Amino acid sequence: MVLLKNILVTTDLSDYSLTAMEYATSFGLLYCSKLFLLHVVEDVPAVFPLRGVEGDAKEHQREKEERARHDLKDFIAKNISRDVTVIPIVVSGIPHEAIKRFAEEQRIDIIIMATHGRTGLQHIIVGSVAEKVVRTASVPVLTVKPPRLRDTIIRKEDIENELHLP
């Protein structure tokens, strides 16, 4: 029997990652697992090695990480049941590499992540984070499609019906 003691679920703090969180929560309750919720802050590139810029880039990176920690706590409070123990983690780096590294360091048994990510030209050029994690991770990866977005545009009648207007 497969035991999932350590589960890693990734989040970009969007609603799309909530579906992955639901799966992770279900597995976590079923297996009495530790549930790690990981958010990766991409590094601020220090493009120009001019005097003062490097310090500014490091300060900006620290601010991004602090904001991410705050946002992750809010995300957990708003979206995750108190019945589930979640260990919030914020790391910096290239997302797929940071996810893989964290999984190896923490002896993660499964990674759960949403498939929704980069779109358009950026996706064509660099691929998605989920794709790269699936290809390179040393543990199983469960990718979860987010629920379909509404296909129809809200019509005037929808609003009138919702507000009970004549």
C-alpha atoms as a PDB file:
ATOM      1  CA  MET A   1       0.000   0.000   0.000  1.00  0.00           C
ATOM      2  CA  VAL A   2       1.250   3.471  -0.868  1.00  0.00           C
ATOM      3  CA  LEU A   3       1.564   5.822   2.093  1.00  0.00           C
ATOM      4  CA  LEU A   4       1.542   9.524   1.473  1.00  0.00           C
ATOM      5  CA  LYS A   5       3.132  10.960   4.604  1.00  0.00           C
ATOM      6  CA  ASN A   6       4.333  14.218   3.050  1.00  0.00           C
ATOM      7  CA  ILE A   7       2.225  15.951   0.420  1.00  0.00           C
ATOM      8  CA  LEU A   8       3.345  19.038  -1.462  1.00  0.00           C
ATOM      9  CA  VAL A   9       0.761  21.253  -3.108  1.00  0.00           C
ATOM     10  CA  THR A  10       1.919  24.277  -5.057  1.00  0.00           C
ATOM     11  CA  THR A  11       0.096  27.564  -5.362  1.00  0.00           C
ATOM     12  CA  ASP A  12       0.423  30.773  -7.300  1.00  0.00           C
ATOM     13  CA  LEU A  13      -2.231  32.196  -4.930  1.00  0.00           C
ATOM     14  CA  SER A  14      -4.849  32.186  -7.682  1.00  0.00           C
ATOM     15  CA  ASP A  15      -8.244  30.523  -7.644  1.00  0.00           C
ATOM     16  CA  TYR A  16      -6.891  27.976 -10.130  1.00  0.00           C
ATOM     17  CA  SER A  17      -4.686  26.429  -7.472  1.00  0.00           C
ATOM     18  CA  LEU A  18      -7.689  25.867  -5.177  1.00  0.00           C
ATOM     19  CA  THR A  19      -8.662  22.737  -7.105  1.00  0.00           C
ATOM     20  CA  ALA A  20      -5.225  21.244  -6.480  1.00  0.00           C
ATOM     21  CA  MET A  21      -5.578  22.231  -2.827  1.00  0.00           C
ATOM     22  CA  GLU A  22      -8.895  20.356  -2.612  1.00  0.00           C
ATOM     23  CA  TYR A  23      -7.237  17.174  -3.871  1.00  0.00           C
ATOM     24  CA  ALA A  24      -4.290  17.627  -1.520  1.00  0.00           C
ATOM     25  CA  THR A  25      -6.631  18.185   1.419  1.00  0.00           C
ATOM     26  CA  SER A  26      -8.561  15.012   0.610  1.00  0.00           C
ATOM     27  CA  PHE A  27      -5.374  12.953   0.405  1.00  0.00           C
ATOM     28  CA  GLY A  28      -4.064  14.627   3.550  1.00  0.00           C
ATOM     29  CA  LEU A  29      -7.144  13.712   5.564  1.00  0.00           C
ATOM     30  CA  LEU A  30      -7.215  10.182   4.150  1.00  0.00           C
ATOM     31  CA  TYR A  31      -3.559   9.450   4.916  1.00  0.00           C
ATOM     32  CA  CYS A  32      -3.097  11.743   7.970  1.00  0.00           C
ATOM     33  CA  SER A  33      -0.324  13.443   6.021  1.00  0.00           C
ATOM     34  CA  LYS A  34       1.751  16.548   6.492  1.00  0.00           C
ATOM     35  CA  LEU A  35       0.520  19.031   3.917  1.00  0.00           C
ATOM     36  CA  PHE A  36       3.038  21.571   2.621  1.00  0.00           C
ATOM     37  CA  LEU A  37       1.651  24.532   0.672  1.00  0.00           C
ATOM     38  CA  LEU A  38       4.480  25.975  -1.419  1.00  0.00           C
ATOM     39  CA  HIS A  39       4.569  29.335  -3.153  1.00  0.00           C
ATOM     40  CA  VAL A  40       7.620  30.221  -5.233  1.00  0.00           C
ATOM     41  CA  VAL A  41       8.631  33.849  -5.639  1.00  0.00           C
ATOM     42  CA  GLU A  42      10.573  34.265  -8.853  1.00  0.00           C
ATOM     43  CA  ASP A  43      13.968  35.905  -8.407  1.00  0.00           C
ATOM     44  CA  VAL A  44      14.314  39.553  -9.333  1.00  0.00           C
ATOM     45  CA  PRO A  45      16.867  39.653 -12.149  1.00  0.00           C
ATOM     46  CA  ALA A  46      19.839  41.927 -11.534  1.00  0.00           C
ATOM     47  CA  VAL A  47      20.199  42.833 -15.198  1.00  0.00           C
ATOM     48  CA  PHE A  48      22.559  45.769 -14.877  1.00  0.00           C
ATOM     49  CA  PRO A  49      25.470  45.311 -12.467  1.00  0.00           C
ATOM     50  CA  LEU A  50      25.651  49.051 -11.760  1.00  0.00           C
ATOM     51  CA  ARG A  51      26.501  50.477  -8.397  1.00  0.00           C
ATOM     52  CA  GLY A  52      23.462  50.432  -6.126  1.00  0.00           C
ATOM     53  CA  VAL A  53      21.285  48.323  -8.419  1.00  0.00           C
ATOM     54  CA  GLU A  54      22.262  45.002  -6.843  1.00  0.00           C
ATOM     55  CA  GLY A  55      21.276  46.247  -3.387  1.00  0.00           C
ATOM     56  CA  ASP A  56      17.998  47.542  -4.768  1.00  0.00           C
ATOM     57  CA  ALA A  57      17.302  44.185  -6.435  1.00  0.00           C
ATOM     58  CA  LYS A  58      17.983  42.317  -3.179  1.00  0.00           C
ATOM     59  CA  GLU A  59      15.726  44.681  -1.231  1.00  0.00           C
ATOM     60  CA  HIS A  60      13.004  44.308  -3.847  1.00  0.00           C
ATOM     61  CA  GLN A  61      13.339  40.508  -3.619  1.00  0.00           C
ATOM     62  CA  ARG A  62      12.996  40.615   0.189  1.00  0.00           C
ATOM     63  CA  GLU A  63       9.878  42.774  -0.155  1.00  0.00           C
ATOM     64  CA  LYS A  64       8.379  40.337  -2.680  1.00  0.00           C
ATOM     65  CA  GLU A  65       9.040  37.405  -0.337  1.00  0.00           C
ATOM     66  CA  GLU A  66       7.529  39.195   2.670  1.00  0.00           C
ATOM     67  CA  ARG A  67       4.437  40.161   0.663  1.00  0.00           C
ATOM     68  CA  ALA A  68       4.144  36.555  -0.543  1.00  0.00           C
ATOM     69  CA  ARG A  69       4.276  35.231   3.049  1.00  0.00           C
ATOM     70  CA  HIS A  70       1.490  37.606   4.031  1.00  0.00           C
ATOM     71  CA  ASP A  71      -0.575  36.721   0.941  1.00  0.00           C
ATOM     72  CA  LEU A  72      -0.075  32.990   1.554  1.00  0.00           C
ATOM     73  CA  LYS A  73      -1.369  33.292   5.130  1.00  0.00           C
ATOM     74  CA  ASP A  74      -4.425  35.179   3.837  1.00  0.00           C
ATOM     75  CA  PHE A  75      -4.930  32.558   1.120  1.00  0.00           C
ATOM     76  CA  ILE A  76      -4.923  29.782   3.735  1.00  0.00           C
ATOM     77  CA  ALA A  77      -7.279  31.654   6.077  1.00  0.00           C
ATOM     78  CA  LYS A  78      -9.799  32.341   3.298  1.00  0.00           C
ATOM     79  CA  ASN A  79      -9.708  29.026   1.462  1.00  0.00           C
ATOM     80  CA  ILE A  80      -8.621  26.142   3.656  1.00  0.00           C
ATOM     81  CA  SER A  81     -10.596  24.418   6.383  1.00  0.00           C
ATOM     82  CA  ARG A  82      -9.228  24.698   9.899  1.00  0.00           C
ATOM     83  CA  ASP A  83      -9.573  20.904  10.133  1.00  0.00           C
ATOM     84  CA  VAL A  84      -6.529  20.594   7.910  1.00  0.00           C
ATOM     85  CA  THR A  85      -3.024  21.383   9.117  1.00  0.00           C
ATOM     86  CA  VAL A  86      -1.113  23.167   6.402  1.00  0.00           C
ATOM     87  CA  ILE A  87       2.537  24.167   6.566  1.00  0.00           C
ATOM     88  CA  PRO A  88       2.948  27.353   4.501  1.00  0.00           C
ATOM     89  CA  ILE A  89       6.280  27.698   2.697  1.00  0.00           C
ATOM     90  CA  VAL A  90       7.596  30.580   0.590  1.00  0.00           C
ATOM     91  CA  VAL A  91      10.831  30.113  -1.340  1.00  0.00           C
ATOM     92  CA  SER A  92      12.581  32.060  -4.075  1.00  0.00           C
ATOM     93  CA  GLY A  93      13.911  30.759  -7.341  1.00  0.00           C
ATOM     94  CA  ILE A  94      12.909  29.389 -10.692  1.00  0.00           C
ATOM     95  CA  PRO A  95       9.522  27.774  -9.961  1.00  0.00           C
ATOM     96  CA  HIS A  96      10.011  24.264 -11.361  1.00  0.00           C
ATOM     97  CA  GLU A  97      13.518  24.002  -9.898  1.00  0.00           C
ATOM     98  CA  ALA A  98      12.419  25.282  -6.480  1.00  0.00           C
ATOM     99  CA  ILE A  99       9.494  22.830  -6.393  1.00  0.00           C
ATOM    100  CA  LYS A 100      11.732  19.902  -7.307  1.00  0.00           C
ATOM    101  CA  ARG A 101      14.392  20.912  -4.771  1.00  0.00           C
ATOM    102  CA  PHE A 102      11.840  21.348  -1.964  1.00  0.00           C
ATOM    103  CA  ALA A 103      10.293  17.954  -2.750  1.00  0.00           C
ATOM    104  CA  GLU A 104      13.688  16.260  -2.524  1.00  0.00           C
ATOM    105  CA  GLU A 105      14.769  18.067   0.650  1.00  0.00           C
ATOM    106  CA  GLN A 106      11.508  17.360   2.501  1.00  0.00           C
ATOM    107  CA  ARG A 107      11.122  13.774   1.267  1.00  0.00           C
ATOM    108  CA  ILE A 108       7.789  14.566  -0.354  1.00  0.00           C
ATOM    109  CA  ASP A 109       5.764  11.521  -1.445  1.00  0.00           C
ATOM    110  CA  ILE A 110       3.569  13.282  -4.024  1.00  0.00           C
ATOM    111  CA  ILE A 111       3.335  16.719  -5.619  1.00  0.00           C
ATOM    112  CA  ILE A 112      -0.116  18.070  -6.444  1.00  0.00           C
ATOM    113  CA  MET A 113      -0.414  21.108  -8.682  1.00  0.00           C
ATOM    114  CA  ALA A 114      -2.811  22.869 -11.030  1.00  0.00           C
ATOM    115  CA  THR A 115      -2.189  22.638 -14.749  1.00  0.00           C
ATOM    116  CA  HIS A 116      -3.240  26.214 -15.416  1.00  0.00           C
ATOM    117  CA  GLY A 117      -0.274  28.479 -15.837  1.00  0.00           C
ATOM    118  CA  ARG A 118       1.529  30.427 -18.496  1.00  0.00           C
ATOM    119  CA  THR A 119      -0.309  31.027 -21.725  1.00  0.00           C
ATOM    120  CA  GLY A 120       0.391  32.274 -25.188  1.00  0.00           C
ATOM    121  CA  LEU A 121       3.889  32.954 -26.487  1.00  0.00           C
ATOM    122  CA  GLN A 122       5.557  32.643 -23.078  1.00  0.00           C
ATOM    123  CA  HIS A 123       4.175  29.096 -22.725  1.00  0.00           C
ATOM    124  CA  ILE A 124       5.355  28.161 -26.220  1.00  0.00           C
ATOM    125  CA  ILE A 125       8.869  29.442 -25.530  1.00  0.00           C
ATOM    126  CA  VAL A 126       9.494  28.209 -21.979  1.00  0.00           C
ATOM    127  CA  GLY A 127       6.756  25.648 -21.312  1.00  0.00           C
ATOM    128  CA  SER A 128       4.649  25.423 -18.211  1.00  0.00           C
ATOM    129  CA  VAL A 129       5.863  24.940 -14.671  1.00  0.00           C
ATOM    130  CA  ALA A 130       3.646  21.851 -14.338  1.00  0.00           C
ATOM    131  CA  GLU A 131       5.156  20.274 -17.469  1.00  0.00           C
ATOM    132  CA  LYS A 132       8.684  20.812 -16.207  1.00  0.00           C
ATOM    133  CA  VAL A 133       7.879  19.421 -12.763  1.00  0.00           C
ATOM    134  CA  VAL A 134       6.237  16.331 -14.282  1.00  0.00           C
ATOM    135  CA  ARG A 135       9.304  15.729 -16.467  1.00  0.00           C
ATOM    136  CA  THR A 136      11.946  16.265 -13.783  1.00  0.00           C
ATOM    137  CA  ALA A 137      10.481  15.333 -10.395  1.00  0.00           C
ATOM    138  CA  SER A 138      11.640  12.142  -8.722  1.00  0.00           C
ATOM    139  CA  VAL A 139       8.212  11.567  -7.108  1.00  0.00           C
ATOM    140  CA  PRO A 140       4.727  11.185  -8.592  1.00  0.00           C
ATOM    141  CA  VAL A 141       3.041  14.417  -9.695  1.00  0.00           C
ATOM    142  CA  LEU A 142      -0.729  14.762  -9.792  1.00  0.00           C
ATOM    143  CA  THR A 143      -1.771  17.574 -12.104  1.00  0.00           C
ATOM    144  CA  VAL A 144      -5.266  18.929 -11.665  1.00  0.00           C
ATOM    145  CA  LYS A 145      -7.223  20.868 -14.244  1.00  0.00           C
ATOM    146  CA  PRO A 146      -9.107  23.831 -12.803  1.00  0.00           C
ATOM    147  CA  PRO A 147     -12.881  23.877 -13.211  1.00  0.00           C
ATOM    148  CA  ARG A 148     -13.990  25.310 -16.517  1.00  0.00           C
ATOM    149  CA  LEU A 149     -14.573  28.992 -16.604  1.00  0.00           C
ATOM    150  CA  ARG A 150     -18.015  30.051 -17.647  1.00  0.00           C
ATOM    151  CA  ASP A 151     -18.368  29.883 -21.400  1.00  0.00           C
ATOM    152  CA  THR A 152     -21.174  32.401 -21.608  1.00  0.00           C
ATOM    153  CA  ILE A 153     -21.165  36.086 -21.012  1.00  0.00           C
ATOM    154  CA  ILE A 154     -23.526  37.294 -18.319  1.00  0.00           C
ATOM    155  CA  ARG A 155     -26.654  38.624 -19.934  1.00  0.00           C
ATOM    156  CA  LYS A 156     -28.994  41.383 -18.773  1.00  0.00           C
ATOM    157  CA  GLU A 157     -31.651  38.763 -17.946  1.00  0.00           C
ATOM    158  CA  ASP A 158     -29.216  36.919 -15.677  1.00  0.00           C
ATOM    159  CA  ILE A 159     -28.679  40.027 -13.586  1.00  0.00           C
ATOM    160  CA  GLU A 160     -32.378  40.856 -13.484  1.00  0.00           C
ATOM    161  CA  ASN A 161     -33.220  37.311 -12.371  1.00  0.00           C
ATOM    162  CA  GLU A 162     -30.477  37.294  -9.740  1.00  0.00           C
ATOM    163  CA  LEU A 163     -31.624  40.647  -8.317  1.00  0.00           C
ATOM    164  CA  HIS A 164     -35.322  39.698  -8.688  1.00  0.00           C
ATOM    165  CA  LEU A 165     -36.035  42.733 -10.853  1.00  0.00           C
ATOM    166  CA  PRO A 166     -39.351  42.994 -12.757  1.00  0.00           C
END
